Structure formats: C-alpha cells, structure tokens
C-alpha atoms as a PDB file:
ATOM      1  CA  MET A   1      -0.007   0.069  -0.312  1.00  0.00           C
ATOM      2  CA  LYS A   2       2.604   2.264   1.094  1.00  0.00           C
ATOM      3  CA  TRP A   3       4.645   1.641  -2.663  1.00  0.00           C
ATOM      4  CA  LEU A   4       0.847   2.885  -3.828  1.00  0.00           C
ATOM      5  CA  LEU A   5       0.824   6.076  -2.347  1.00  0.00           C
ATOM      6  CA  THR A   6       4.473   7.070  -3.023  1.00  0.00           C
ATOM      7  CA  VAL A   7       3.970   6.040  -6.551  1.00  0.00           C
ATOM      8  CA  LEU A   8       0.704   8.887  -6.162  1.00  0.00           C
ATOM      9  CA  VAL A   9       3.092  11.494  -5.020  1.00  0.00           C
ATOM     10  CA  VAL A  10       5.798  11.180  -7.480  1.00  0.00           C
ATOM     11  CA  LEU A  11       2.663  11.989 -10.149  1.00  0.00           C
ATOM     12  CA  VAL A  12       1.720  14.841  -8.460  1.00  0.00           C
ATOM     13  CA  ILE A  13       4.955  16.195  -8.122  1.00  0.00           C
ATOM     14  CA  LEU A  14       6.405  16.040 -11.901  1.00  0.00           C
ATOM     15  CA  ALA A  15       2.595  17.389 -13.441  1.00  0.00           C
ATOM     16  CA  ALA A  16       2.753  20.537 -10.442  1.00  0.00           C
ATOM     17  CA  VAL A  17       6.809  20.621 -12.319  1.00  0.00           C
ATOM     18  CA  ALA A  18       6.373  19.952 -15.869  1.00  0.00           C
ATOM     19  CA  PRO A  19       5.658  22.985 -17.146  1.00  0.00           C
ATOM     20  CA  TRP A  20       9.188  24.603 -15.830  1.00  0.00           C
ATOM     21  CA  PHE A  21      10.446  21.209 -17.481  1.00  0.00           C
ATOM     22  CA  GLY A  22       9.357  22.501 -20.380  1.00  0.00           C
ATOM     23  CA  ARG A  23      10.838  25.445 -19.769  1.00  0.00           C
ATOM     24  CA  LEU A  24      14.674  24.119 -19.877  1.00  0.00           C
ATOM     25  CA  GLY A  25      14.002  21.756 -22.838  1.00  0.00           C
ATOM     26  CA  LEU A  26      13.033  18.904 -21.392  1.00  0.00           C
ATOM     27  CA  GLY A  27      10.668  17.165 -23.779  1.00  0.00           C
ATOM     28  CA  ARG A  28      11.841  19.238 -27.026  1.00  0.00           C
ATOM     29  CA  LEU A  29      14.878  16.526 -26.951  1.00  0.00           C
ATOM     30  CA  PRO A  30      15.426  14.374 -30.653  1.00  0.00           C
ATOM     31  CA  GLY A  31      14.096  11.353 -29.301  1.00  0.00           C
ATOM     32  CA  ASP A  32      10.715  12.855 -27.842  1.00  0.00           C
ATOM     33  CA  LEU A  33       8.222  11.922 -29.889  1.00  0.00           C
ATOM     34  CA  ARG A  34       5.018  13.842 -30.497  1.00  0.00           C
ATOM     35  CA  ILE A  35       2.237  12.244 -32.135  1.00  0.00           C
ATOM     36  CA  PRO A  36      -0.611  13.780 -33.483  1.00  0.00           C
ATOM     37  CA  VAL A  37      -3.686  11.627 -33.487  1.00  0.00           C
ATOM     38  CA  ARG A  38      -7.182  12.844 -35.057  1.00  0.00           C
ATOM     39  CA  GLY A  39      -6.504  16.494 -33.800  1.00  0.00           C
ATOM     40  CA  ARG A  40      -4.711  15.860 -30.619  1.00  0.00           C
ATOM     41  CA  MET A  41      -0.793  15.154 -29.724  1.00  0.00           C
ATOM     42  CA  TYR A  42       0.634  12.914 -27.890  1.00  0.00           C
ATOM     43  CA  TYR A  43       3.854  13.297 -26.487  1.00  0.00           C
ATOM     44  CA  VAL A  44       6.344  10.481 -25.886  1.00  0.00           C
ATOM     45  CA  PRO A  45       9.795  12.101 -24.372  1.00  0.00           C
ATOM     46  CA  PHE A  46      11.768   9.009 -24.262  1.00  0.00           C
ATOM     47  CA  ALA A  47      15.156  11.360 -24.032  1.00  0.00           C
ATOM     48  CA  SER A  48      13.806  13.515 -20.908  1.00  0.00           C
ATOM     49  CA  THR A  49      13.476  10.619 -19.101  1.00  0.00           C
ATOM     50  CA  VAL A  50      16.392   9.020 -20.053  1.00  0.00           C
ATOM     51  CA  LEU A  51      18.328  12.190 -19.003  1.00  0.00           C
ATOM     52  CA  LEU A  52      16.254  12.681 -15.550  1.00  0.00           C
ATOM     53  CA  SER A  53      17.126   9.313 -15.064  1.00  0.00           C
ATOM     54  CA  LEU A  54      20.787   9.518 -15.769  1.00  0.00           C
ATOM     55  CA  LEU A  55      20.784  13.143 -13.434  1.00  0.00           C
ATOM     56  CA  ALA A  56      18.631  10.926 -10.963  1.00  0.00           C
ATOM     57  CA  TRP A  57      21.317   7.994 -10.736  1.00  0.00           C
ATOM     58  CA  ALA A  58      23.994  10.390 -10.386  1.00  0.00           C
ATOM     59  CA  LEU A  59      22.819  12.144  -7.556  1.00  0.00           C
ATOM     60  CA  ALA A  60      21.772   9.453  -5.552  1.00  0.00           C
ATOM     61  CA  LYS A  61      25.657   8.583  -6.582  1.00  0.00           C
ATOM     62  CA  LEU A  62      26.600  11.729  -5.362  1.00  0.00           C
ATOM     63  CA  LEU A  63      24.625  11.059  -2.175  1.00  0.00           C
END
C-alpha cells in the first residue's frame, strides 16, 4: 500500500513541475516523439526520460 501512495505523490510532483521542465527544453529533445492523432498531440518523451533518469542516478551516487 505504501508503494501506491509513493507513486501517487511522485506523479503529483511531476505534474506540478512539468511546465518548469518545458522551459528548460525537456520534452523537446531529439528523441522525444510528438504523435498527432485525430487533432490531438500526444507526447512520448523518451530522451527526456533517459536524461532525467541519468541525473537522478548521478545524484543518488553523490549522496
């Protein structure tokens, strides 16, 4: 049950900081896909996810 609460908190935090990441250029990297379907744009941020994962790993190694 604790993992579910943790996932929920992380998703809320990510949703809150998503506009800030957009100003930094995340979500518009070369490996990030934008797929238009029936007038809507869907984003699949592969490169941004890898970059953020590497940053989190490096931060965890330092701490």
